[in-house]
Amino acid sequence: MKIDLSKIKGHKCRNIDIDYEENLDMIEANNNTYKLDGPIHVSGNITSNLEDVFLKLFIKGKLIVQCDRCLENFIYKFDISLEESLSSFDKNYFEDNLQDKLNLSKAIKESIMLSLPMKFVCSEECKGLYYHCENNQSHESCNCQHIDPRLEALKKLSH
């Protein structure tokens, strides 16, 4: 979404209310591409005083991600609060380097990227995979007859 700030810039206590859905297919972060599960809901406002313009947004959405423990896909919900002065924004957020045309979509994407955890875990109870058969420990037990090679010598003592 692109917003024209010329109507509020330089005026005291003027604002633009924001409430819309941003439709993105995917987000790239941490060298991965994440698919979105539905639109991103964005609400908040942009307020000016005589010197600067302030952005206050609430960003909610869902990503389809893979658990780093068990490798199963799950829905990761995010709920981000973004409060910033537009004077601190990178010039890339503005169209054609004009300080009056804000590309809100770029700010939203970056906020989501910066809020994501380094590792995704489907639940605190997730036990991950068995290292030798790669079955999910949370759903099934391991019936492998695998013995830790460090304990192999103990097998000779039982005979």
N, C-alpha and C. Protein backbone atom coordinates (compact mmCIF):
# COMPACT_ATOMS: atom_id res chain seq x y z
N MET A 1 0.84 -1.18 0.00
CA MET A 1 0.00 0.00 0.00
C MET A 1 0.89 1.24 0.00
N LYS A 2 0.52 2.18 -0.83
CA LYS A 2 1.26 3.44 -0.92
C LYS A 2 0.42 4.55 -0.29
N ILE A 3 1.08 5.37 0.53
CA ILE A 3 0.37 6.42 1.25
C ILE A 3 0.99 7.77 0.92
N ASP A 4 0.12 8.74 0.62
CA ASP A 4 0.54 10.11 0.33
C ASP A 4 0.59 10.87 1.65
N LEU A 5 1.80 11.23 2.08
CA LEU A 5 2.00 11.93 3.35
C LEU A 5 1.90 13.45 3.22
N SER A 6 1.76 13.96 2.00
CA SER A 6 1.76 15.41 1.81
C SER A 6 0.57 16.09 2.51
N LYS A 7 -0.50 15.35 2.75
CA LYS A 7 -1.69 15.92 3.39
C LYS A 7 -1.49 16.18 4.88
N ILE A 8 -0.54 15.48 5.50
CA ILE A 8 -0.35 15.66 6.94
C ILE A 8 1.01 16.25 7.31
N LYS A 9 1.99 16.17 6.42
CA LYS A 9 3.34 16.66 6.73
C LYS A 9 3.32 18.16 7.03
N GLY A 10 4.03 18.53 8.09
CA GLY A 10 4.17 19.94 8.44
C GLY A 10 2.97 20.51 9.18
N HIS A 11 1.98 19.68 9.44
CA HIS A 11 0.80 20.10 10.18
C HIS A 11 0.80 19.42 11.55
N LYS A 12 0.31 20.11 12.52
CA LYS A 12 0.28 19.56 13.87
C LYS A 12 -0.98 18.72 14.08
N CYS A 13 -0.79 17.54 14.64
CA CYS A 13 -1.87 16.62 15.05
C CYS A 13 -2.77 16.14 13.91
N ARG A 14 -2.28 16.06 12.71
CA ARG A 14 -3.06 15.43 11.63
C ARG A 14 -2.65 13.98 11.56
N ASN A 15 -3.59 13.12 11.17
CA ASN A 15 -3.22 11.72 11.06
C ASN A 15 -3.97 11.03 9.92
N ILE A 16 -3.45 9.87 9.58
CA ILE A 16 -4.06 8.99 8.58
C ILE A 16 -4.28 7.66 9.28
N ASP A 17 -5.54 7.23 9.32
CA ASP A 17 -5.85 5.93 9.92
C ASP A 17 -5.57 4.82 8.90
N ILE A 18 -5.03 3.73 9.40
CA ILE A 18 -4.67 2.59 8.57
C ILE A 18 -5.47 1.38 9.04
N ASP A 19 -6.14 0.69 8.13
CA ASP A 19 -6.84 -0.55 8.44
C ASP A 19 -7.11 -1.26 7.12
N TYR A 20 -6.26 -2.23 6.80
CA TYR A 20 -6.42 -2.94 5.52
C TYR A 20 -5.74 -4.30 5.61
N GLU A 21 -5.91 -5.10 4.56
CA GLU A 21 -5.25 -6.39 4.47
C GLU A 21 -4.23 -6.36 3.34
N GLU A 22 -3.04 -6.78 3.66
CA GLU A 22 -1.92 -6.83 2.71
C GLU A 22 -1.84 -8.27 2.20
N ASN A 23 -1.96 -8.44 0.89
CA ASN A 23 -1.90 -9.77 0.30
C ASN A 23 -0.51 -10.02 -0.27
N LEU A 24 0.27 -10.81 0.44
CA LEU A 24 1.60 -11.21 0.00
C LEU A 24 1.60 -12.72 -0.16
N ASP A 25 2.35 -13.23 -1.11
CA ASP A 25 2.44 -14.67 -1.29
C ASP A 25 3.43 -15.29 -0.32
N MET A 26 4.58 -14.62 -0.17
CA MET A 26 5.63 -15.19 0.67
C MET A 26 6.53 -14.10 1.24
N ILE A 27 7.30 -14.50 2.24
CA ILE A 27 8.27 -13.63 2.90
C ILE A 27 9.61 -14.35 2.86
N GLU A 28 10.67 -13.64 2.52
CA GLU A 28 12.00 -14.22 2.55
C GLU A 28 12.73 -13.67 3.77
N ALA A 29 13.26 -14.60 4.59
CA ALA A 29 14.01 -14.22 5.78
C ALA A 29 14.90 -15.38 6.21
N ASN A 30 16.01 -15.07 6.82
CA ASN A 30 16.95 -16.08 7.33
C ASN A 30 17.32 -17.12 6.27
N ASN A 31 17.50 -16.68 5.05
CA ASN A 31 17.85 -17.55 3.92
C ASN A 31 16.78 -18.59 3.61
N ASN A 32 15.52 -18.32 3.98
CA ASN A 32 14.40 -19.20 3.70
C ASN A 32 13.26 -18.40 3.08
N THR A 33 12.37 -19.10 2.42
CA THR A 33 11.16 -18.49 1.89
C THR A 33 9.98 -19.12 2.61
N TYR A 34 9.13 -18.27 3.18
CA TYR A 34 7.97 -18.72 3.95
C TYR A 34 6.70 -18.30 3.24
N LYS A 35 5.78 -19.27 3.08
CA LYS A 35 4.48 -18.99 2.45
C LYS A 35 3.54 -18.45 3.51
N LEU A 36 2.74 -17.46 3.13
CA LEU A 36 1.75 -16.90 4.05
C LEU A 36 0.47 -17.71 4.00
N ASP A 37 -0.18 -17.84 5.15
CA ASP A 37 -1.45 -18.53 5.25
C ASP A 37 -2.53 -17.46 5.39
N GLY A 38 -2.92 -16.87 4.26
CA GLY A 38 -3.93 -15.81 4.26
C GLY A 38 -3.29 -14.43 4.25
N PRO A 39 -4.14 -13.41 4.21
CA PRO A 39 -3.63 -12.03 4.16
C PRO A 39 -3.09 -11.56 5.51
N ILE A 40 -2.30 -10.51 5.46
CA ILE A 40 -1.75 -9.87 6.66
C ILE A 40 -2.68 -8.71 7.00
N HIS A 41 -3.12 -8.63 8.25
CA HIS A 41 -3.97 -7.53 8.67
C HIS A 41 -3.10 -6.42 9.27
N VAL A 42 -3.27 -5.21 8.76
CA VAL A 42 -2.48 -4.06 9.20
C VAL A 42 -3.45 -2.98 9.69
N SER A 43 -3.20 -2.49 10.91
CA SER A 43 -4.02 -1.40 11.44
C SER A 43 -3.11 -0.44 12.21
N GLY A 44 -3.60 0.76 12.45
CA GLY A 44 -2.83 1.76 13.18
C GLY A 44 -3.04 3.13 12.60
N ASN A 45 -2.03 3.99 12.74
CA ASN A 45 -2.14 5.33 12.17
C ASN A 45 -0.78 5.95 11.92
N ILE A 46 -0.82 7.00 11.13
CA ILE A 46 0.35 7.82 10.85
C ILE A 46 -0.01 9.22 11.32
N THR A 47 0.79 9.77 12.23
CA THR A 47 0.49 11.05 12.85
C THR A 47 1.64 12.02 12.60
N SER A 48 1.30 13.29 12.43
CA SER A 48 2.35 14.29 12.23
C SER A 48 2.34 15.31 13.34
N ASN A 49 3.52 15.87 13.57
CA ASN A 49 3.63 17.11 14.33
C ASN A 49 4.36 18.05 13.39
N LEU A 50 4.78 19.18 13.82
CA LEU A 50 5.39 20.15 12.90
C LEU A 50 6.72 19.68 12.31
N GLU A 51 7.47 18.86 13.07
CA GLU A 51 8.80 18.47 12.61
C GLU A 51 8.87 17.09 11.94
N ASP A 52 8.02 16.15 12.36
CA ASP A 52 8.20 14.77 11.90
C ASP A 52 6.85 14.06 11.77
N VAL A 53 6.92 12.87 11.18
CA VAL A 53 5.75 12.01 11.01
C VAL A 53 6.04 10.70 11.73
N PHE A 54 5.06 10.21 12.50
CA PHE A 54 5.24 9.00 13.29
C PHE A 54 4.28 7.91 12.82
N LEU A 55 4.82 6.72 12.76
CA LEU A 55 4.07 5.55 12.30
C LEU A 55 3.83 4.63 13.49
N LYS A 56 2.60 4.21 13.68
CA LYS A 56 2.25 3.23 14.72
C LYS A 56 1.35 2.20 14.07
N LEU A 57 1.89 0.98 13.89
CA LEU A 57 1.15 -0.08 13.20
C LEU A 57 1.10 -1.35 14.03
N PHE A 58 0.03 -2.11 13.81
CA PHE A 58 -0.11 -3.44 14.37
C PHE A 58 -0.28 -4.38 13.19
N ILE A 59 0.59 -5.39 13.11
CA ILE A 59 0.65 -6.28 11.96
C ILE A 59 0.40 -7.71 12.45
N LYS A 60 -0.64 -8.36 11.90
CA LYS A 60 -0.98 -9.72 12.30
C LYS A 60 -1.09 -10.61 11.07
N GLY A 61 -0.60 -11.83 11.21
CA GLY A 61 -0.70 -12.77 10.11
C GLY A 61 -0.23 -14.15 10.50
N LYS A 62 -0.17 -15.05 9.50
CA LYS A 62 0.23 -16.43 9.75
C LYS A 62 1.15 -16.90 8.61
N LEU A 63 2.19 -17.59 9.00
CA LEU A 63 3.12 -18.19 8.04
C LEU A 63 3.05 -19.71 8.14
N ILE A 64 3.29 -20.37 7.03
CA ILE A 64 3.44 -21.83 7.04
C ILE A 64 4.94 -22.09 7.11
N VAL A 65 5.37 -22.69 8.22
CA VAL A 65 6.80 -22.91 8.44
C VAL A 65 7.06 -24.37 8.79
N GLN A 66 8.31 -24.75 8.79
CA GLN A 66 8.71 -26.11 9.12
C GLN A 66 9.38 -26.10 10.49
N CYS A 67 8.98 -27.01 11.36
CA CYS A 67 9.57 -27.13 12.68
C CYS A 67 11.02 -27.57 12.53
N ASP A 68 11.92 -26.91 13.24
CA ASP A 68 13.33 -27.25 13.16
C ASP A 68 13.70 -28.50 13.97
N ARG A 69 12.76 -29.00 14.79
CA ARG A 69 13.01 -30.22 15.55
C ARG A 69 12.48 -31.46 14.84
N CYS A 70 11.20 -31.41 14.41
CA CYS A 70 10.56 -32.61 13.84
C CYS A 70 10.35 -32.53 12.33
N LEU A 71 10.62 -31.38 11.74
CA LEU A 71 10.52 -31.13 10.30
C LEU A 71 9.09 -31.16 9.76
N GLU A 72 8.07 -31.09 10.63
CA GLU A 72 6.69 -31.02 10.17
C GLU A 72 6.27 -29.57 9.98
N ASN A 73 5.39 -29.34 9.00
CA ASN A 73 4.88 -27.98 8.77
C ASN A 73 3.84 -27.62 9.83
N PHE A 74 3.80 -26.34 10.20
CA PHE A 74 2.79 -25.85 11.12
C PHE A 74 2.56 -24.37 10.85
N ILE A 75 1.50 -23.83 11.44
CA ILE A 75 1.16 -22.42 11.27
C ILE A 75 1.81 -21.61 12.38
N TYR A 76 2.61 -20.63 12.00
CA TYR A 76 3.25 -19.72 12.95
C TYR A 76 2.51 -18.39 12.88
N LYS A 77 1.91 -17.97 14.00
CA LYS A 77 1.18 -16.70 14.04
C LYS A 77 2.11 -15.60 14.53
N PHE A 78 2.04 -14.45 13.86
CA PHE A 78 2.82 -13.31 14.32
C PHE A 78 1.89 -12.13 14.59
N ASP A 79 2.28 -11.34 15.56
CA ASP A 79 1.53 -10.16 16.00
C ASP A 79 2.58 -9.12 16.36
N ILE A 80 2.82 -8.18 15.46
CA ILE A 80 3.93 -7.23 15.58
C ILE A 80 3.41 -5.83 15.82
N SER A 81 4.09 -5.12 16.68
CA SER A 81 3.79 -3.71 16.90
C SER A 81 4.99 -2.92 16.35
N LEU A 82 4.71 -1.97 15.47
CA LEU A 82 5.76 -1.16 14.86
C LEU A 82 5.49 0.31 15.18
N GLU A 83 6.42 0.92 15.90
CA GLU A 83 6.31 2.35 16.23
C GLU A 83 7.63 3.00 15.85
N GLU A 84 7.56 3.93 14.91
CA GLU A 84 8.78 4.54 14.43
C GLU A 84 8.53 5.92 13.85
N SER A 85 9.57 6.73 13.93
CA SER A 85 9.56 8.03 13.28
C SER A 85 9.94 7.82 11.82
N LEU A 86 9.23 8.45 10.91
CA LEU A 86 9.55 8.25 9.49
C LEU A 86 10.88 8.89 9.11
N SER A 87 11.38 9.81 9.90
CA SER A 87 12.69 10.40 9.60
C SER A 87 13.80 9.36 9.76
N SER A 88 13.54 8.30 10.53
CA SER A 88 14.54 7.24 10.69
C SER A 88 14.39 6.14 9.64
N PHE A 89 13.36 6.21 8.81
CA PHE A 89 13.14 5.20 7.78
C PHE A 89 14.17 5.33 6.67
N ASP A 90 14.51 4.19 6.11
CA ASP A 90 15.39 4.12 4.96
C ASP A 90 14.70 4.77 3.75
N LYS A 91 15.47 5.37 2.88
CA LYS A 91 14.91 6.00 1.67
C LYS A 91 14.21 4.99 0.77
N ASN A 92 14.54 3.70 0.92
CA ASN A 92 13.91 2.66 0.09
C ASN A 92 12.42 2.52 0.36
N TYR A 93 11.94 3.04 1.49
CA TYR A 93 10.52 2.95 1.82
C TYR A 93 9.69 4.00 1.09
N PHE A 94 10.34 4.91 0.42
CA PHE A 94 9.63 5.98 -0.26
C PHE A 94 9.73 5.80 -1.76
N GLU A 95 8.67 6.13 -2.47
CA GLU A 95 8.63 5.99 -3.92
C GLU A 95 9.48 7.07 -4.58
N ASP A 96 10.33 6.68 -5.49
CA ASP A 96 11.16 7.60 -6.28
C ASP A 96 11.90 8.61 -5.41
N ASN A 97 12.31 8.16 -4.21
CA ASN A 97 13.03 9.01 -3.25
C ASN A 97 12.27 10.28 -2.88
N LEU A 98 10.96 10.29 -3.09
CA LEU A 98 10.13 11.41 -2.65
C LEU A 98 9.70 11.13 -1.22
N GLN A 99 9.90 12.05 -0.33
CA GLN A 99 9.59 11.83 1.08
C GLN A 99 8.08 11.91 1.37
N ASP A 100 7.25 12.12 0.34
CA ASP A 100 5.80 12.21 0.54
C ASP A 100 5.05 10.94 0.15
N LYS A 101 5.68 10.02 -0.53
CA LYS A 101 5.00 8.81 -1.00
C LYS A 101 5.60 7.59 -0.29
N LEU A 102 4.96 7.16 0.79
CA LEU A 102 5.44 6.05 1.60
C LEU A 102 4.92 4.73 1.05
N ASN A 103 5.83 3.78 0.81
CA ASN A 103 5.46 2.43 0.41
C ASN A 103 5.39 1.59 1.69
N LEU A 104 4.20 1.49 2.23
CA LEU A 104 3.98 0.80 3.49
C LEU A 104 4.27 -0.70 3.38
N SER A 105 4.09 -1.29 2.22
CA SER A 105 4.32 -2.72 2.02
C SER A 105 5.77 -3.10 2.33
N LYS A 106 6.71 -2.26 1.93
CA LYS A 106 8.12 -2.53 2.20
C LYS A 106 8.41 -2.52 3.70
N ALA A 107 7.83 -1.57 4.42
CA ALA A 107 8.02 -1.49 5.88
C ALA A 107 7.41 -2.70 6.57
N ILE A 108 6.27 -3.15 6.09
CA ILE A 108 5.60 -4.31 6.68
C ILE A 108 6.43 -5.57 6.47
N LYS A 109 6.91 -5.78 5.25
CA LYS A 109 7.74 -6.96 4.96
C LYS A 109 8.97 -6.99 5.86
N GLU A 110 9.65 -5.87 5.97
CA GLU A 110 10.86 -5.83 6.79
C GLU A 110 10.55 -6.06 8.26
N SER A 111 9.46 -5.52 8.76
CA SER A 111 9.08 -5.74 10.15
C SER A 111 8.83 -7.22 10.43
N ILE A 112 8.17 -7.88 9.49
CA ILE A 112 7.91 -9.31 9.66
C ILE A 112 9.23 -10.08 9.65
N MET A 113 10.09 -9.78 8.69
CA MET A 113 11.38 -10.47 8.59
C MET A 113 12.19 -10.32 9.87
N LEU A 114 12.22 -9.11 10.43
CA LEU A 114 13.01 -8.86 11.63
C LEU A 114 12.41 -9.49 12.88
N SER A 115 11.12 -9.79 12.86
CA SER A 115 10.46 -10.34 14.05
C SER A 115 10.54 -11.86 14.12
N LEU A 116 10.91 -12.52 13.04
CA LEU A 116 10.90 -13.98 13.01
C LEU A 116 12.00 -14.57 13.88
N PRO A 117 11.72 -15.69 14.54
CA PRO A 117 12.76 -16.34 15.35
C PRO A 117 13.80 -17.01 14.44
N MET A 118 14.96 -17.26 15.00
CA MET A 118 16.00 -17.96 14.24
C MET A 118 15.61 -19.42 13.99
N LYS A 119 14.92 -20.02 14.94
CA LYS A 119 14.46 -21.41 14.83
C LYS A 119 12.97 -21.46 15.12
N PHE A 120 12.24 -22.25 14.34
CA PHE A 120 10.82 -22.45 14.56
C PHE A 120 10.61 -23.80 15.25
N VAL A 121 9.78 -23.81 16.28
CA VAL A 121 9.46 -25.05 16.99
C VAL A 121 7.94 -25.13 17.09
N CYS A 122 7.37 -26.25 16.64
CA CYS A 122 5.91 -26.38 16.56
C CYS A 122 5.26 -26.33 17.94
N SER A 123 5.92 -26.83 18.97
CA SER A 123 5.42 -26.72 20.34
C SER A 123 6.58 -26.97 21.30
N GLU A 124 6.43 -26.52 22.52
CA GLU A 124 7.47 -26.74 23.53
C GLU A 124 7.64 -28.23 23.82
N GLU A 125 6.58 -29.01 23.60
CA GLU A 125 6.62 -30.44 23.87
C GLU A 125 7.25 -31.25 22.74
N CYS A 126 7.56 -30.61 21.62
CA CYS A 126 8.12 -31.31 20.47
C CYS A 126 9.45 -31.96 20.85
N LYS A 127 9.55 -33.26 20.62
CA LYS A 127 10.76 -34.00 20.98
C LYS A 127 11.72 -34.15 19.81
N GLY A 128 11.28 -33.81 18.62
CA GLY A 128 12.15 -33.91 17.45
C GLY A 128 12.19 -35.31 16.87
N LEU A 129 13.22 -35.58 16.09
CA LEU A 129 13.37 -36.87 15.40
C LEU A 129 14.38 -37.75 16.13
N TYR A 130 14.18 -39.07 16.04
CA TYR A 130 15.22 -39.99 16.49
C TYR A 130 16.39 -39.84 15.53
N TYR A 131 17.57 -39.75 16.03
CA TYR A 131 18.71 -39.45 15.15
C TYR A 131 19.08 -40.60 14.22
N HIS A 132 18.73 -41.83 14.56
CA HIS A 132 19.15 -42.96 13.72
C HIS A 132 18.08 -43.41 12.73
N CYS A 133 16.79 -43.29 13.07
CA CYS A 133 15.75 -43.73 12.13
C CYS A 133 14.91 -42.56 11.61
N GLU A 134 15.06 -41.39 12.20
CA GLU A 134 14.38 -40.17 11.81
C GLU A 134 12.87 -40.23 11.95
N ASN A 135 12.34 -41.12 12.80
CA ASN A 135 10.92 -41.10 13.14
C ASN A 135 10.68 -39.95 14.12
N ASN A 136 9.48 -39.44 14.10
CA ASN A 136 9.13 -38.33 14.98
C ASN A 136 8.89 -38.87 16.39
N GLN A 137 9.70 -38.44 17.35
CA GLN A 137 9.58 -38.91 18.73
C GLN A 137 8.26 -38.50 19.37
N SER A 138 7.65 -37.44 18.89
CA SER A 138 6.40 -36.96 19.47
C SER A 138 5.20 -37.83 19.08
N HIS A 139 5.32 -38.59 17.97
CA HIS A 139 4.18 -39.36 17.47
C HIS A 139 4.36 -40.86 17.57
N GLU A 140 5.58 -41.34 17.58
CA GLU A 140 5.79 -42.79 17.57
C GLU A 140 7.06 -43.14 18.33
N SER A 141 7.09 -44.37 18.82
CA SER A 141 8.30 -44.81 19.50
C SER A 141 9.23 -45.48 18.50
N CYS A 142 10.45 -45.57 18.86
CA CYS A 142 11.46 -46.16 17.97
C CYS A 142 11.58 -47.64 18.27
N ASN A 143 11.44 -48.46 17.24
CA ASN A 143 11.59 -49.90 17.39
C ASN A 143 12.90 -50.39 16.79
N CYS A 144 13.77 -49.49 16.51
CA CYS A 144 15.07 -49.86 15.93
C CYS A 144 15.91 -50.60 16.96
N GLN A 145 16.72 -51.47 16.49
CA GLN A 145 17.64 -52.22 17.36
C GLN A 145 19.01 -51.56 17.33
N HIS A 146 19.01 -50.31 17.17
CA HIS A 146 20.26 -49.55 17.06
C HIS A 146 20.90 -49.39 18.45
N ILE A 147 22.16 -49.69 18.52
CA ILE A 147 22.92 -49.53 19.76
C ILE A 147 23.97 -48.45 19.53
N ASP A 148 24.08 -47.61 20.50
CA ASP A 148 25.09 -46.55 20.44
C ASP A 148 26.46 -47.21 20.29
N PRO A 149 27.25 -46.85 19.26
CA PRO A 149 28.54 -47.50 19.04
C PRO A 149 29.49 -47.40 20.23
N ARG A 150 29.30 -46.43 21.06
CA ARG A 150 30.17 -46.29 22.25
C ARG A 150 29.86 -47.37 23.28
N LEU A 151 28.65 -47.95 23.20
CA LEU A 151 28.27 -48.99 24.16
C LEU A 151 28.37 -50.39 23.58
N GLU A 152 28.84 -50.54 22.39
CA GLU A 152 28.94 -51.82 21.69
C GLU A 152 29.78 -52.83 22.49
N ALA A 153 30.81 -52.38 23.16
CA ALA A 153 31.69 -53.29 23.93
C ALA A 153 30.93 -53.92 25.08
N LEU A 154 29.93 -53.29 25.64
CA LEU A 154 29.16 -53.84 26.74
C LEU A 154 28.34 -55.06 26.32
N LYS A 155 28.03 -55.15 25.05
CA LYS A 155 27.26 -56.28 24.53
C LYS A 155 28.04 -57.59 24.70
N LYS A 156 29.36 -57.55 24.60
CA LYS A 156 30.21 -58.73 24.74
C LYS A 156 30.20 -59.24 26.19
N LEU A 157 30.01 -58.36 27.15
CA LEU A 157 30.02 -58.75 28.55
C LEU A 157 28.80 -59.58 28.95
N SER A 158 27.70 -59.41 28.27
CA SER A 158 26.48 -60.12 28.62
C SER A 158 26.45 -61.56 28.12
N HIS A 159 27.40 -61.98 27.32
CA HIS A 159 27.41 -63.35 26.77
C HIS A 159 28.25 -64.25 27.58
